[in-house]
C-alpha atoms as a PDB file:
ATOM      1  CA  MET A   1       0.000   0.000   0.000  1.00  0.00           C
ATOM      2  CA  THR A   2       1.242   3.456  -0.810  1.00  0.00           C
ATOM      3  CA  GLY A   3       0.503   6.671   0.996  1.00  0.00           C
ATOM      4  CA  THR A   4       1.436   8.889  -1.911  1.00  0.00           C
ATOM      5  CA  THR A   5      -0.640  11.939  -2.568  1.00  0.00           C
ATOM      6  CA  ARG A   6       1.239  12.846  -5.735  1.00  0.00           C
ATOM      7  CA  SER A   7       0.631  11.489  -9.184  1.00  0.00           C
ATOM      8  CA  SER A   8       3.660  10.387 -11.171  1.00  0.00           C
ATOM      9  CA  GLU A   9       2.085  11.980 -14.238  1.00  0.00           C
ATOM     10  CA  GLY A  10       4.424  14.523 -15.795  1.00  0.00           C
ATOM     11  CA  LEU A  11       7.536  13.066 -14.164  1.00  0.00           C
ATOM     12  CA  ASP A  12      10.356  11.561 -16.204  1.00  0.00           C
ATOM     13  CA  ALA A  13      11.052   7.844 -15.780  1.00  0.00           C
ATOM     14  CA  ARG A  14      13.842   8.342 -13.234  1.00  0.00           C
ATOM     15  CA  ARG A  15      11.736  10.588 -11.001  1.00  0.00           C
ATOM     16  CA  ARG A  16       8.805   8.139 -11.205  1.00  0.00           C
ATOM     17  CA  LYS A  17      11.149   5.338 -10.108  1.00  0.00           C
ATOM     18  CA  LEU A  18      12.509   7.416  -7.203  1.00  0.00           C
ATOM     19  CA  LEU A  19       8.977   8.329  -6.123  1.00  0.00           C
ATOM     20  CA  PHE A  20       8.042   4.642  -6.081  1.00  0.00           C
ATOM     21  CA  ARG A  21      11.220   3.684  -4.182  1.00  0.00           C
ATOM     22  CA  SER A  22      10.522   6.428  -1.642  1.00  0.00           C
ATOM     23  CA  TRP A  23       7.161   4.875  -0.761  1.00  0.00           C
ATOM     24  CA  HIS A  24       8.354   1.248  -0.833  1.00  0.00           C
ATOM     25  CA  ARG A  25      11.321   1.183   1.539  1.00  0.00           C
ATOM     26  CA  GLY A  26      10.599  -1.735   3.829  1.00  0.00           C
ATOM     27  CA  MET A  27      10.199   0.245   7.045  1.00  0.00           C
ATOM     28  CA  ARG A  28       6.947   2.141   7.340  1.00  0.00           C
ATOM     29  CA  GLU A  29       8.713   5.002   9.138  1.00  0.00           C
ATOM     30  CA  MET A  30      11.016   5.516   6.157  1.00  0.00           C
ATOM     31  CA  ASP A  31       8.102   5.174   3.730  1.00  0.00           C
ATOM     32  CA  LEU A  32       6.394   8.044   5.519  1.00  0.00           C
ATOM     33  CA  ILE A  33       9.470  10.269   5.773  1.00  0.00           C
ATOM     34  CA  LEU A  34      10.906   9.707   2.306  1.00  0.00           C
ATOM     35  CA  GLY A  35       7.561   9.212   0.601  1.00  0.00           C
ATOM     36  CA  THR A  36       6.097  12.480   1.800  1.00  0.00           C
ATOM     37  CA  PHE A  37       9.394  14.225   1.028  1.00  0.00           C
ATOM     38  CA  ALA A  38       9.325  12.835  -2.507  1.00  0.00           C
ATOM     39  CA  ASP A  39       5.666  13.780  -2.944  1.00  0.00           C
ATOM     40  CA  ALA A  40       6.529  17.369  -2.061  1.00  0.00           C
ATOM     41  CA  GLU A  41       9.946  17.762  -3.712  1.00  0.00           C
ATOM     42  CA  ILE A  42      10.640  15.212  -6.472  1.00  0.00           C
ATOM     43  CA  GLY A  43       9.432  17.489  -9.251  1.00  0.00           C
ATOM     44  CA  ALA A  44      11.607  20.406  -8.144  1.00  0.00           C
ATOM     45  CA  LEU A  45      14.919  18.631  -7.491  1.00  0.00           C
ATOM     46  CA  THR A  46      17.758  19.533  -9.846  1.00  0.00           C
ATOM     47  CA  SER A  47      19.648  16.873 -11.818  1.00  0.00           C
ATOM     48  CA  GLU A  48      22.456  16.937  -9.250  1.00  0.00           C
ATOM     49  CA  GLU A  49      19.947  16.590  -6.409  1.00  0.00           C
ATOM     50  CA  ILE A  50      18.295  13.659  -8.201  1.00  0.00           C
ATOM     51  CA  GLU A  51      21.721  11.958  -8.298  1.00  0.00           C
ATOM     52  CA  GLN A  52      22.161  12.601  -4.575  1.00  0.00           C
ATOM     53  CA  TYR A  53      18.663  11.350  -3.767  1.00  0.00           C
ATOM     54  CA  ASP A  54      19.197   8.187  -5.797  1.00  0.00           C
ATOM     55  CA  ARG A  55      22.378   7.436  -3.811  1.00  0.00           C
ATOM     56  CA  LEU A  56      20.604   8.132  -0.511  1.00  0.00           C
ATOM     57  CA  LEU A  57      17.865   5.656  -1.372  1.00  0.00           C
ATOM     58  CA  ASP A  58      20.530   2.951  -1.654  1.00  0.00           C
ATOM     59  CA  ILE A  59      21.251   3.256   2.081  1.00  0.00           C
ATOM     60  CA  PRO A  60      19.488   0.486   4.049  1.00  0.00           C
ATOM     61  CA  ASP A  61      16.663   1.714   6.271  1.00  0.00           C
ATOM     62  CA  THR A  62      18.338   0.323   9.388  1.00  0.00           C
ATOM     63  CA  GLU A  63      21.245   2.721   8.773  1.00  0.00           C
ATOM     64  CA  PHE A  64      19.300   5.622   7.256  1.00  0.00           C
ATOM     65  CA  LEU A  65      16.501   5.990   9.830  1.00  0.00           C
ATOM     66  CA  PRO A  66      18.854   6.654  12.778  1.00  0.00           C
ATOM     67  CA  MET A  67      20.580   9.360  10.711  1.00  0.00           C
ATOM     68  CA  VAL A  68      17.291  10.999   9.796  1.00  0.00           C
ATOM     69  CA  THR A  69      16.011  10.916  13.376  1.00  0.00           C
ATOM     70  CA  GLY A  70      19.273  12.216  14.830  1.00  0.00           C
ATOM     71  CA  GLU A  71      20.083   9.022  16.726  1.00  0.00           C
ATOM     72  CA  ARG A  72      23.265   8.506  14.723  1.00  0.00           C
ATOM     73  CA  PRO A  73      25.686  11.084  13.317  1.00  0.00           C
ATOM     74  CA  ILE A  74      25.662  11.597   9.580  1.00  0.00           C
ATOM     75  CA  PRO A  75      28.823  10.309   7.915  1.00  0.00           C
ATOM     76  CA  ARG A  76      30.668  12.882   5.815  1.00  0.00           C
ATOM     77  CA  ASP A  77      30.365  10.784   2.667  1.00  0.00           C
ATOM     78  CA  VAL A  78      26.569  10.716   3.026  1.00  0.00           C
ATOM     79  CA  ASP A  79      25.971  14.367   3.907  1.00  0.00           C
ATOM     80  CA  CYS A  80      24.718  16.347   0.922  1.00  0.00           C
ATOM     81  CA  ALA A  81      22.237  19.082  -0.011  1.00  0.00           C
ATOM     82  CA  VAL A  82      19.347  16.655  -0.480  1.00  0.00           C
ATOM     83  CA  LEU A  83      19.966  14.997   2.871  1.00  0.00           C
ATOM     84  CA  GLN A  84      19.826  18.426   4.487  1.00  0.00           C
ATOM     85  CA  LYS A  85      16.499  19.027   2.701  1.00  0.00           C
ATOM     86  CA  ILE A  86      15.196  15.682   3.978  1.00  0.00           C
ATOM     87  CA  LEU A  87      16.280  16.537   7.541  1.00  0.00           C
ATOM     88  CA  ALA A  88      14.589  19.950   7.379  1.00  0.00           C
ATOM     89  CA  PHE A  89      11.471  18.361   5.915  1.00  0.00           C
ATOM     90  CA  ARG A  90      11.413  15.692   8.616  1.00  0.00           C
ATOM     91  CA  HIS A  91      11.664  18.305  11.356  1.00  0.00           C
ATOM     92  CA  SER A  92       8.615  20.048   9.904  1.00  0.00           C
ATOM     93  CA  MET A  93       6.548  16.832   9.877  1.00  0.00           C
ATOM     94  CA  THR A  94       3.853  16.198  12.436  1.00  0.00           C
ATOM     95  CA  PHE A  95       2.871  12.632  13.157  1.00  0.00           C
END
């Protein structure tokens, strides 16, 4: 089941794939964080940000969730503009 509120209509194939991957992570918490982020931002991300986001989605949820929630420090090689956008977005979320 997906929680997406955004249609993939009008998105290129890569953005559609990233939107799908954002909502189908394996951990519901990450589905909600990354899925709602993607719903809101996927259409506006630059090509460089799309590259960054694609790499971030390769991080296993068990490693990524503690970074996003602040339970684990963010490694230098992972920190990027899109991750900072995700962190800001997550802080604005209400559950």
